[in-house]
Amino acid sequence: MNPKYLASTLTLTLLLSVQTAAQVDSPVPEEAVKAHMKALSDRGLNRAMVVGIVNPEGKRYLFEGTFREGDTRKVNARTVFEISSLTELFTSLMVVDLAQKGEFDLKATASQYLTEDLTLPKFEEEEITLRHLLLHTSGLPRLPDNLEPENRQNPFVDYTEKALGQFLGKYELKAGPGKSFKPSRVGYGLLGIALEKQTGETFEELVQTRICSPLEMKNTSISLNEVQRYNLARGHQGETQMPHWDMMLFAGSGGLRSDTKDMLRFVEANLGLTDNPLSPAMNLSHKIALASDDSDLAVATGWVVLKREETLIYYRSGLTGGHASFAGFRKDTQTGVVIMSNSASSVEDIGIYLLDPDHHKLKEFLPMIEISDDALRQYTGVFQLPNGFRILFHRNEGHLTTQFETSSRYRLQPVEEDTFHHPKMKINLEFQRNPKGIIDKVSFKQGEEELTATRVRI
């Protein structure tokens, strides 16, 4: 869940039902989205994207970009991506479904559904319940403080249940459970473990049998077969290719991979456009559970809810080290949207725009200028800041890219002679020439702040 779209403190108000929204006849602005997708790709922010749209008239898809550098295959509706926090929509749906069937008691202490090595902290005598975990009100942090991965580009792969138990045994809640909203991968990881212990099935088996099979979603899983691996888009941060994430203990929070076609079936089912046995649990998960009078955002079970007058927009965003995803819908127009990207750059802006074009506008970009490959050569090399920190500039596929020592490499956007814009960091770079016309410095400018680096190697 993207916390920047939620108030830092959310007054909790239990609402008994969701009011029926008024009918609105708003066209889906697909042409504007196509142009925006190309602009993102041209600037290296999202190497590739797939957008899926569903309404009573049917489904359609928009495509932009390729799998990775050197792999010129165009992405399509069956291209596989990491969906990160969209996994929580599956986890929460299964918990609600089991609760309806009497296999879970949401008011019960969550510890009783976990293994003996996982004992949840208390605040005085108040205990964390399954409902607290489900609504991100447990008070547990986003990540455990003893997460120290050997490979920071795949940070969860070697985290053990013993380590999680040690963290939970030492962690002190700052307030009683249910007092504040705080997104927690720990909490949903624990829900995944609770599902496994209660049913005797693995989390992946549960997803397959309880959700994917009835919804005919054939490409949603944790482990991948040979065809899925071939169709898995390589993740990126800027121009840098990233390894795939293995969520392990945190599978319930972000372990699933899927494609746009499958996820659009999931959204379609939530809209009620298909008959399926999960409809009762889905409808229950749509009821607003947490809200505040001074915010246009609320929380349902698994979903963030954007309140627009009488309209309710349900959505969820995901982000891993190399992928971004979005799923959302609104019932008044019966429109659903899914977006997948193989870059770790949020696509939420496009998703909200497609669902609510009357209130939400796409961000604008600086115009780009043409620059020859020969001209790019004069900017390449190594520049050093006064503190010794080094910045590298490369030519790559007709673009100038920059890399801050061992960080990821990002494409720069030329805006005028000797001036480039870093679209990810939102800073301007101005190259300076010596009396002979050779570039020997570069200044990084953001607002009133400015840092200058000196060229130490061409």
Protein backbone atom coordinates (compact mmCIF):
# COMPACT_ATOMS: atom_id res chain seq x y z
CA MET A 1 0.00 0.00 0.00
CA ASN A 2 1.35 3.40 -0.95
CA PRO A 3 1.41 5.42 2.33
CA LYS A 4 1.90 8.80 0.61
CA TYR A 5 -1.80 8.71 -0.35
CA LEU A 6 -2.92 8.19 3.26
CA ALA A 7 -2.92 10.69 6.11
CA SER A 8 -0.03 10.16 8.51
CA THR A 9 -2.53 9.61 11.29
CA LEU A 10 -5.96 8.25 10.42
CA THR A 11 -8.84 8.65 12.84
CA LEU A 12 -10.53 5.27 12.82
CA THR A 13 -14.26 5.24 12.16
CA LEU A 14 -16.15 1.99 11.64
CA LEU A 15 -18.70 2.28 8.87
CA LEU A 16 -21.42 -0.33 8.52
CA SER A 17 -21.85 -0.16 4.74
CA VAL A 18 -20.76 1.51 1.53
CA GLN A 19 -23.33 3.79 -0.07
CA THR A 20 -24.27 3.12 -3.67
CA ALA A 21 -22.51 5.61 -5.92
CA ALA A 22 -24.36 7.66 -8.51
CA GLN A 23 -24.12 6.74 -12.17
CA VAL A 24 -21.44 8.69 -14.07
CA ASP A 25 -20.82 8.58 -17.79
CA SER A 26 -17.08 9.31 -18.19
CA PRO A 27 -15.13 8.16 -21.24
CA VAL A 28 -11.91 6.23 -20.74
CA PRO A 29 -9.13 8.55 -22.02
CA GLU A 30 -7.03 5.86 -23.67
CA GLU A 31 -5.29 8.06 -26.26
CA ALA A 32 -3.88 10.33 -23.55
CA VAL A 33 -2.63 7.26 -21.70
CA LYS A 34 -0.93 5.85 -24.80
CA ALA A 35 0.98 9.11 -25.24
CA HIS A 36 1.88 9.16 -21.55
CA MET A 37 3.15 5.57 -21.66
CA LYS A 38 5.42 6.44 -24.58
CA ALA A 39 6.69 9.55 -22.77
CA LEU A 40 7.60 7.42 -19.73
CA SER A 41 9.38 4.89 -21.94
CA ASP A 42 11.24 7.59 -23.90
CA ARG A 43 12.55 9.04 -20.65
CA GLY A 44 13.60 5.69 -19.24
CA LEU A 45 11.22 5.88 -16.28
CA ASN A 46 9.19 2.81 -17.26
CA ARG A 47 10.92 0.57 -19.74
CA ALA A 48 7.73 -1.31 -20.58
CA MET A 49 4.09 -1.17 -19.53
CA VAL A 50 0.89 -3.12 -20.09
CA VAL A 51 -2.47 -1.50 -19.31
CA GLY A 52 -5.66 -3.55 -19.14
CA ILE A 53 -9.14 -2.00 -19.02
CA VAL A 54 -12.43 -3.82 -18.42
CA ASN A 55 -16.07 -2.69 -18.42
CA PRO A 56 -19.38 -4.26 -19.48
CA GLU A 57 -18.39 -3.74 -23.14
CA GLY A 58 -15.36 -6.02 -22.77
CA LYS A 59 -11.59 -5.83 -22.28
CA ARG A 60 -8.82 -4.01 -24.10
CA TYR A 61 -5.10 -3.64 -23.63
CA LEU A 62 -2.45 -0.98 -24.26
CA PHE A 63 1.22 -1.91 -24.69
CA GLU A 64 4.53 -0.05 -24.64
CA GLY A 65 8.14 -1.21 -24.54
CA THR A 66 10.25 -4.36 -24.44
CA PHE A 67 11.36 -7.01 -21.95
CA ARG A 68 14.85 -5.59 -21.40
CA GLU A 69 17.94 -4.26 -23.16
CA GLY A 70 18.99 -6.83 -25.73
CA ASP A 71 15.59 -8.56 -25.63
CA THR A 72 13.41 -6.77 -28.16
CA ARG A 73 10.25 -8.81 -27.50
CA LYS A 74 7.25 -6.52 -27.07
CA VAL A 75 5.35 -6.93 -23.81
CA ASN A 76 1.80 -8.26 -24.04
CA ALA A 77 -1.16 -9.31 -21.90
CA ARG A 78 0.59 -12.58 -21.00
CA THR A 79 3.90 -11.01 -19.97
CA VAL A 80 4.58 -11.93 -16.32
CA PHE A 81 5.44 -9.29 -13.71
CA GLU A 82 6.01 -9.16 -9.96
CA ILE A 83 2.85 -7.72 -8.37
CA SER A 84 4.27 -7.00 -4.89
CA SER A 85 1.60 -5.58 -2.53
CA LEU A 86 -1.23 -6.54 -4.87
CA THR A 87 -0.61 -9.96 -3.31
CA GLU A 88 -2.33 -8.62 -0.19
CA LEU A 89 -5.61 -8.50 -2.14
CA PHE A 90 -5.37 -12.29 -2.43
CA THR A 91 -4.27 -12.79 1.19
CA SER A 92 -7.04 -10.62 2.61
CA LEU A 93 -9.69 -12.21 0.35
CA MET A 94 -8.76 -15.70 1.55
CA VAL A 95 -8.84 -14.59 5.20
CA VAL A 96 -12.29 -13.01 4.75
CA ASP A 97 -13.55 -16.08 2.90
CA LEU A 98 -12.32 -18.43 5.65
CA ALA A 99 -13.84 -16.15 8.30
CA GLN A 100 -17.22 -16.32 6.53
CA LYS A 101 -16.95 -20.10 6.57
CA GLY A 102 -16.15 -20.15 10.28
CA GLU A 103 -12.52 -21.28 9.89
CA PHE A 104 -11.10 -17.98 11.16
CA ASP A 105 -12.22 -15.72 13.99
CA LEU A 106 -11.10 -12.20 13.08
CA LYS A 107 -11.53 -11.04 16.69
CA ALA A 108 -9.31 -13.81 18.02
CA THR A 109 -5.71 -13.29 19.08
CA ALA A 110 -3.55 -13.73 16.01
CA SER A 111 -0.86 -15.65 17.91
CA GLN A 112 -3.10 -18.70 18.23
CA TYR A 113 -3.02 -19.11 14.44
CA LEU A 114 0.78 -18.90 14.23
CA THR A 115 3.59 -21.34 14.96
CA GLU A 116 5.05 -21.62 18.46
CA ASP A 117 8.16 -19.67 17.45
CA LEU A 118 6.09 -16.63 16.48
CA THR A 119 4.66 -14.85 19.53
CA LEU A 120 3.21 -11.40 18.88
CA PRO A 121 3.98 -8.50 21.21
CA LYS A 122 1.29 -7.00 23.45
CA PHE A 123 0.62 -3.42 24.51
CA GLU A 124 0.02 -3.76 28.23
CA GLU A 125 -2.69 -6.47 28.12
CA GLU A 126 -4.01 -5.66 24.64
CA GLU A 127 -3.27 -8.31 22.02
CA ILE A 128 -3.05 -8.18 18.25
CA THR A 129 -6.00 -9.86 16.52
CA LEU A 130 -6.37 -11.17 12.97
CA ARG A 131 -8.50 -8.11 12.19
CA HIS A 132 -5.65 -5.83 13.28
CA LEU A 133 -3.27 -7.61 10.90
CA LEU A 134 -5.88 -7.53 8.13
CA LEU A 135 -6.44 -3.74 8.37
CA HIS A 136 -2.80 -2.76 9.01
CA THR A 137 -3.66 -1.51 12.51
CA SER A 138 -1.54 -4.00 14.48
CA GLY A 139 1.16 -1.46 15.31
CA LEU A 140 3.82 -3.71 13.79
CA PRO A 141 6.36 -1.91 11.56
CA ARG A 142 6.61 -2.17 7.81
CA LEU A 143 9.75 -4.34 8.04
CA PRO A 144 11.56 -6.10 10.91
CA ASP A 145 14.59 -4.22 12.23
CA ASN A 146 16.78 -7.33 12.03
CA LEU A 147 16.35 -7.67 8.27
CA GLU A 148 20.00 -7.59 7.18
CA PRO A 149 20.11 -9.26 3.75
CA GLU A 150 23.32 -10.53 2.23
CA ASN A 151 21.92 -9.49 -1.15
CA ARG A 152 20.16 -6.15 -0.87
CA GLN A 153 18.76 -6.56 -4.38
CA ASN A 154 16.83 -9.64 -3.19
CA PRO A 155 16.31 -8.61 0.44
CA PHE A 156 13.89 -11.25 1.74
CA VAL A 157 15.34 -14.46 0.31
CA ASP A 158 17.46 -15.42 3.34
CA TYR A 159 15.24 -14.14 6.17
CA THR A 160 14.27 -17.06 8.43
CA GLU A 161 11.35 -17.81 10.72
CA LYS A 162 13.83 -17.89 13.61
CA ALA A 163 14.87 -14.32 12.82
CA LEU A 164 11.24 -13.23 12.59
CA GLY A 165 10.51 -14.86 15.95
CA GLN A 166 13.46 -13.05 17.53
CA PHE A 167 12.25 -9.73 16.14
CA LEU A 168 8.68 -10.24 17.39
CA GLY A 169 9.95 -11.30 20.82
CA LYS A 170 11.84 -8.03 21.27
CA TYR A 171 9.56 -5.56 19.50
CA GLU A 172 7.59 -3.16 21.72
CA LEU A 173 4.31 -1.73 20.47
CA LYS A 174 4.14 2.06 20.76
CA ALA A 175 0.36 2.04 21.31
CA GLY A 176 -2.51 -0.39 21.60
CA PRO A 177 -3.52 -2.33 18.47
CA GLY A 178 -6.31 -0.70 16.46
CA LYS A 179 -5.28 2.84 17.31
CA SER A 180 -3.58 3.85 14.05
CA PHE A 181 -3.13 2.78 10.46
CA LYS A 182 0.39 1.66 9.59
CA PRO A 183 1.15 -0.43 6.47
CA SER A 184 3.14 -3.51 7.51
CA ARG A 185 4.74 -6.21 5.38
CA VAL A 186 5.35 -8.02 8.66
CA GLY A 187 1.62 -8.13 9.38
CA TYR A 188 0.64 -9.59 6.02
CA GLY A 189 3.56 -11.98 6.07
CA LEU A 190 2.11 -13.28 9.35
CA LEU A 191 -1.34 -13.59 7.77
CA GLY A 192 0.19 -15.78 5.05
CA ILE A 193 1.76 -17.99 7.72
CA ALA A 194 -1.56 -18.14 9.63
CA LEU A 195 -3.36 -19.27 6.47
CA GLU A 196 -0.83 -22.06 5.97
CA LYS A 197 -1.07 -23.28 9.58
CA GLN A 198 -4.86 -23.19 9.62
CA THR A 199 -5.36 -25.04 6.33
CA GLY A 200 -2.29 -27.25 6.08
CA GLU A 201 -1.63 -25.94 2.57
CA THR A 202 1.17 -23.69 1.35
CA PHE A 203 0.31 -20.10 0.57
CA GLU A 204 0.82 -20.75 -3.13
CA GLU A 205 -1.46 -23.80 -3.05
CA LEU A 206 -4.14 -21.76 -1.31
CA VAL A 207 -3.97 -19.01 -3.94
CA GLN A 208 -4.20 -21.58 -6.71
CA THR A 209 -7.12 -23.61 -5.31
CA ARG A 210 -9.18 -20.88 -3.63
CA ILE A 211 -8.78 -17.95 -6.04
CA CYS A 212 -7.03 -18.78 -9.31
CA SER A 213 -8.96 -21.95 -10.08
CA PRO A 214 -12.49 -20.52 -9.65
CA LEU A 215 -11.52 -17.31 -11.49
CA GLU A 216 -9.65 -19.19 -14.25
CA MET A 217 -6.43 -17.29 -13.59
CA LYS A 218 -3.78 -19.51 -15.15
CA ASN A 219 -0.66 -17.37 -14.79
CA THR A 220 -0.68 -16.24 -11.15
CA SER A 221 1.78 -18.01 -8.84
CA ILE A 222 4.98 -17.76 -6.85
CA SER A 223 7.00 -20.49 -8.55
CA LEU A 224 7.11 -20.31 -12.34
CA ASN A 225 7.01 -23.01 -14.99
CA GLU A 226 9.20 -22.91 -18.08
CA VAL A 227 6.74 -20.86 -20.15
CA GLN A 228 6.17 -18.35 -17.33
CA ARG A 229 9.91 -17.91 -16.86
CA TYR A 230 10.26 -17.19 -20.57
CA ASN A 231 7.46 -14.60 -20.30
CA LEU A 232 8.79 -12.99 -17.10
CA ALA A 233 9.85 -9.42 -17.82
CA ARG A 234 13.21 -8.51 -16.30
CA GLY A 235 12.89 -5.81 -13.64
CA HIS A 236 14.67 -2.46 -13.86
CA GLN A 237 15.65 0.55 -11.81
CA GLY A 238 16.19 3.14 -14.48
CA GLU A 239 18.53 1.51 -17.02
CA THR A 240 19.86 -1.05 -14.52
CA GLN A 241 18.48 -4.59 -14.67
CA MET A 242 17.43 -5.93 -11.28
CA PRO A 243 17.12 -9.51 -9.97
CA HIS A 244 13.68 -10.83 -9.12
CA TRP A 245 12.49 -10.80 -5.53
CA ASP A 246 11.84 -13.99 -3.55
CA MET A 247 9.56 -13.00 -0.67
CA MET A 248 9.75 -16.31 1.28
CA LEU A 249 8.24 -15.64 4.77
CA PHE A 250 6.64 -12.47 3.40
CA ALA A 251 4.81 -14.30 0.60
CA GLY A 252 1.44 -13.10 1.93
CA SER A 253 2.59 -9.52 1.55
CA GLY A 254 4.17 -9.57 -1.89
CA GLY A 255 5.19 -12.98 -3.20
CA LEU A 256 2.95 -13.39 -6.25
CA ARG A 257 3.75 -12.97 -9.92
CA SER A 258 1.03 -12.55 -12.49
CA ASP A 259 0.13 -11.12 -15.88
CA THR A 260 -2.27 -8.37 -16.91
CA LYS A 261 -4.86 -10.78 -18.32
CA ASP A 262 -5.11 -12.68 -15.04
CA MET A 263 -5.24 -9.58 -12.88
CA LEU A 264 -7.94 -8.09 -15.08
CA ARG A 265 -10.02 -11.22 -14.42
CA PHE A 266 -9.51 -10.60 -10.69
CA VAL A 267 -10.69 -6.98 -11.02
CA GLU A 268 -13.57 -8.07 -13.25
CA ALA A 269 -14.72 -10.47 -10.54
CA ASN A 270 -14.54 -7.71 -7.91
CA LEU A 271 -16.75 -5.56 -10.14
CA GLY A 272 -19.32 -8.36 -10.22
CA LEU A 273 -19.06 -8.74 -13.99
CA THR A 274 -18.54 -12.50 -13.62
CA ASP A 275 -20.31 -15.03 -11.44
CA ASN A 276 -17.91 -16.74 -9.02
CA PRO A 277 -18.01 -18.36 -5.57
CA LEU A 278 -15.81 -15.62 -4.11
CA SER A 279 -18.38 -12.84 -4.66
CA PRO A 280 -19.68 -12.84 -1.05
CA ALA A 281 -16.15 -12.47 0.36
CA MET A 282 -15.26 -9.84 -2.26
CA ASN A 283 -18.34 -7.77 -1.47
CA LEU A 284 -17.55 -7.93 2.24
CA SER A 285 -13.95 -6.83 1.58
CA HIS A 286 -15.27 -3.72 -0.21
CA LYS A 287 -16.95 -2.35 2.92
CA ILE A 288 -15.03 0.59 4.33
CA ALA A 289 -13.46 -0.33 7.65
CA LEU A 290 -11.38 2.75 8.46
CA ALA A 291 -12.07 6.34 7.49
CA SER A 292 -11.70 9.92 8.66
CA ASP A 293 -13.85 12.99 8.09
CA ASP A 294 -10.89 15.17 7.07
CA SER A 295 -9.42 12.87 4.39
CA ASP A 296 -10.67 11.73 0.99
CA LEU A 297 -9.03 8.36 1.58
CA ALA A 298 -10.32 5.37 3.47
CA VAL A 299 -9.38 1.73 3.94
CA ALA A 300 -11.37 -1.36 3.03
CA THR A 301 -10.06 -4.90 3.48
CA GLY A 302 -6.98 -5.02 1.27
CA TRP A 303 -8.05 -1.98 -0.75
CA VAL A 304 -7.40 1.74 -0.47
CA VAL A 305 -10.57 3.72 -1.19
CA LEU A 306 -10.55 7.16 -2.80
CA LYS A 307 -13.73 9.08 -2.00
CA ARG A 308 -14.91 11.47 -4.75
CA GLU A 309 -18.22 13.02 -3.67
CA GLU A 310 -20.60 10.04 -4.01
CA THR A 311 -18.09 7.98 -5.99
CA LEU A 312 -15.81 5.36 -4.43
CA ILE A 313 -12.64 4.28 -6.25
CA TYR A 314 -10.94 1.12 -5.00
CA TYR A 315 -7.28 0.61 -5.80
CA ARG A 316 -3.99 -0.91 -4.75
CA SER A 317 -0.41 -0.29 -5.89
CA GLY A 318 2.67 -2.50 -5.74
CA LEU A 319 6.40 -1.89 -6.03
CA THR A 320 9.36 -4.30 -5.88
CA GLY A 321 13.02 -3.69 -6.63
CA GLY A 322 12.32 -3.82 -10.36
CA HIS A 323 8.55 -3.88 -11.00
CA ALA A 324 5.49 -1.69 -10.47
CA SER A 325 1.81 -2.63 -10.53
CA PHE A 326 -1.68 -1.21 -10.02
CA ALA A 327 -5.19 -2.64 -9.79
CA GLY A 328 -8.36 -0.64 -9.27
CA PHE A 329 -12.06 -0.30 -10.05
CA ARG A 330 -15.13 1.84 -9.57
CA LYS A 331 -18.60 0.33 -9.43
CA ASP A 332 -20.61 3.29 -10.72
CA THR A 333 -19.03 3.11 -14.18
CA GLN A 334 -18.24 -0.61 -13.81
CA THR A 335 -14.70 0.11 -14.95
CA GLY A 336 -11.60 -1.77 -13.84
CA VAL A 337 -7.93 -1.06 -14.56
CA VAL A 338 -4.73 -3.10 -14.22
CA ILE A 339 -1.25 -1.74 -14.98
CA MET A 340 2.04 -3.66 -15.00
CA SER A 341 5.55 -2.33 -15.55
CA ASN A 342 9.04 -3.86 -15.47
CA SER A 343 10.48 -0.73 -13.85
CA ALA A 344 10.45 0.24 -10.19
CA SER A 345 8.63 3.49 -10.95
CA SER A 346 5.06 3.90 -9.72
CA VAL A 347 2.22 3.58 -12.24
CA GLU A 348 -0.45 4.68 -9.76
CA ASP A 349 -0.79 8.08 -11.42
CA ILE A 350 -2.04 6.46 -14.65
CA GLY A 351 -4.36 4.07 -12.84
CA ILE A 352 -6.13 6.81 -10.90
CA TYR A 353 -6.37 8.92 -14.06
CA LEU A 354 -8.05 6.12 -16.00
CA LEU A 355 -10.58 5.61 -13.22
CA ASP A 356 -11.13 9.28 -12.38
CA PRO A 357 -10.16 11.54 -15.31
CA ASP A 358 -12.53 14.30 -14.16
CA HIS A 359 -10.56 14.92 -10.95
CA HIS A 360 -7.09 13.51 -11.57
CA LYS A 361 -4.69 14.72 -14.28
CA LEU A 362 -1.56 13.05 -15.58
CA LYS A 363 1.72 14.70 -14.65
CA GLU A 364 3.42 16.68 -17.39
CA PHE A 365 6.98 16.30 -18.68
CA LEU A 366 9.57 18.77 -19.87
CA PRO A 367 9.85 18.78 -23.67
CA MET A 368 12.77 16.77 -25.06
CA ILE A 369 15.33 17.99 -27.58
CA GLU A 370 17.30 15.93 -30.08
CA ILE A 371 21.00 15.42 -29.41
CA SER A 372 23.46 13.47 -31.56
CA ASP A 373 25.47 10.53 -30.33
CA ASP A 374 28.70 12.40 -31.09
CA ALA A 375 27.53 15.33 -28.99
CA LEU A 376 26.82 12.99 -26.08
CA ARG A 377 30.49 11.96 -25.97
CA GLN A 378 31.55 15.30 -24.55
CA TYR A 379 29.50 14.71 -21.39
CA THR A 380 30.74 11.20 -20.56
CA GLY A 381 33.25 10.44 -17.84
CA VAL A 382 33.66 10.54 -14.06
CA PHE A 383 32.91 13.64 -11.97
CA GLN A 384 33.76 14.00 -8.29
CA LEU A 385 32.08 16.06 -5.58
CA PRO A 386 34.17 17.83 -2.91
CA ASN A 387 33.37 15.04 -0.42
CA GLY A 388 34.94 12.45 -2.77
CA PHE A 389 31.61 11.04 -3.97
CA ARG A 390 31.81 10.11 -7.65
CA ILE A 391 29.18 10.32 -10.40
CA LEU A 392 29.53 8.43 -13.67
CA PHE A 393 28.09 9.50 -17.02
CA HIS A 394 27.70 7.02 -19.91
CA ARG A 395 26.28 6.89 -23.42
CA ASN A 396 23.71 4.13 -23.79
CA GLU A 397 21.35 3.46 -26.71
CA GLY A 398 21.61 7.08 -27.87
CA HIS A 399 21.03 8.53 -24.41
CA LEU A 400 23.15 10.03 -21.65
CA THR A 401 22.83 8.09 -18.40
CA THR A 402 24.14 8.79 -14.93
CA GLN A 403 25.08 6.53 -12.06
CA PHE A 404 25.95 7.61 -8.53
CA GLU A 405 28.83 5.23 -7.72
CA THR A 406 27.23 1.78 -7.19
CA SER A 407 23.59 2.90 -7.45
CA SER A 408 21.30 2.23 -10.40
CA ARG A 409 21.82 3.94 -13.74
CA TYR A 410 19.19 6.43 -14.94
CA ARG A 411 18.58 8.10 -18.29
CA LEU A 412 18.94 11.88 -18.41
CA GLN A 413 16.61 14.06 -20.44
CA PRO A 414 18.25 16.81 -22.58
CA VAL A 415 16.29 20.06 -22.23
CA GLU A 416 18.74 22.56 -23.78
CA GLU A 417 22.43 22.79 -24.67
CA ASP A 418 24.57 21.53 -21.77
CA THR A 419 21.49 21.12 -19.54
CA PHE A 420 19.84 17.82 -18.65
CA HIS A 421 17.01 16.83 -16.35
CA HIS A 422 17.04 13.78 -14.05
CA PRO A 423 13.35 12.72 -14.23
CA LYS A 424 13.61 10.27 -11.33
CA MET A 425 15.37 12.59 -8.86
CA LYS A 426 13.70 15.70 -10.32
CA ILE A 427 16.94 17.70 -10.46
CA ASN A 428 18.66 19.65 -13.24
CA LEU A 429 22.26 19.05 -14.29
CA GLU A 430 24.17 21.90 -15.91
CA PHE A 431 27.51 21.07 -17.53
CA GLN A 432 30.16 23.82 -17.48
CA ARG A 433 32.92 24.40 -20.04
CA ASN A 434 36.45 25.72 -19.52
CA PRO A 435 37.93 28.46 -21.77
CA LYS A 436 38.85 25.81 -24.36
CA GLY A 437 35.19 24.73 -24.61
CA ILE A 438 35.79 21.39 -22.88
CA ILE A 439 33.34 20.33 -20.18
CA ASP A 440 35.13 20.13 -16.85
CA LYS A 441 32.34 20.51 -14.26
CA VAL A 442 28.70 19.69 -13.70
CA SER A 443 26.29 21.37 -11.26
CA PHE A 444 23.32 19.60 -9.71
CA LYS A 445 20.49 22.03 -9.02
CA GLN A 446 17.26 21.50 -7.10
CA GLY A 447 15.44 24.63 -6.00
CA GLU A 448 17.94 26.82 -4.16
CA GLU A 449 20.33 23.96 -3.55
CA GLU A 450 23.37 23.42 -5.79
CA LEU A 451 26.33 21.03 -5.78
CA THR A 452 29.20 21.10 -8.24
CA ALA A 453 31.36 18.14 -9.26
CA THR A 454 34.69 18.31 -11.10
CA ARG A 455 35.56 16.01 -13.98
CA VAL A 456 38.36 13.62 -13.02
CA ARG A 457 38.24 11.20 -15.94
CA ILE A 458 36.99 11.31 -19.53
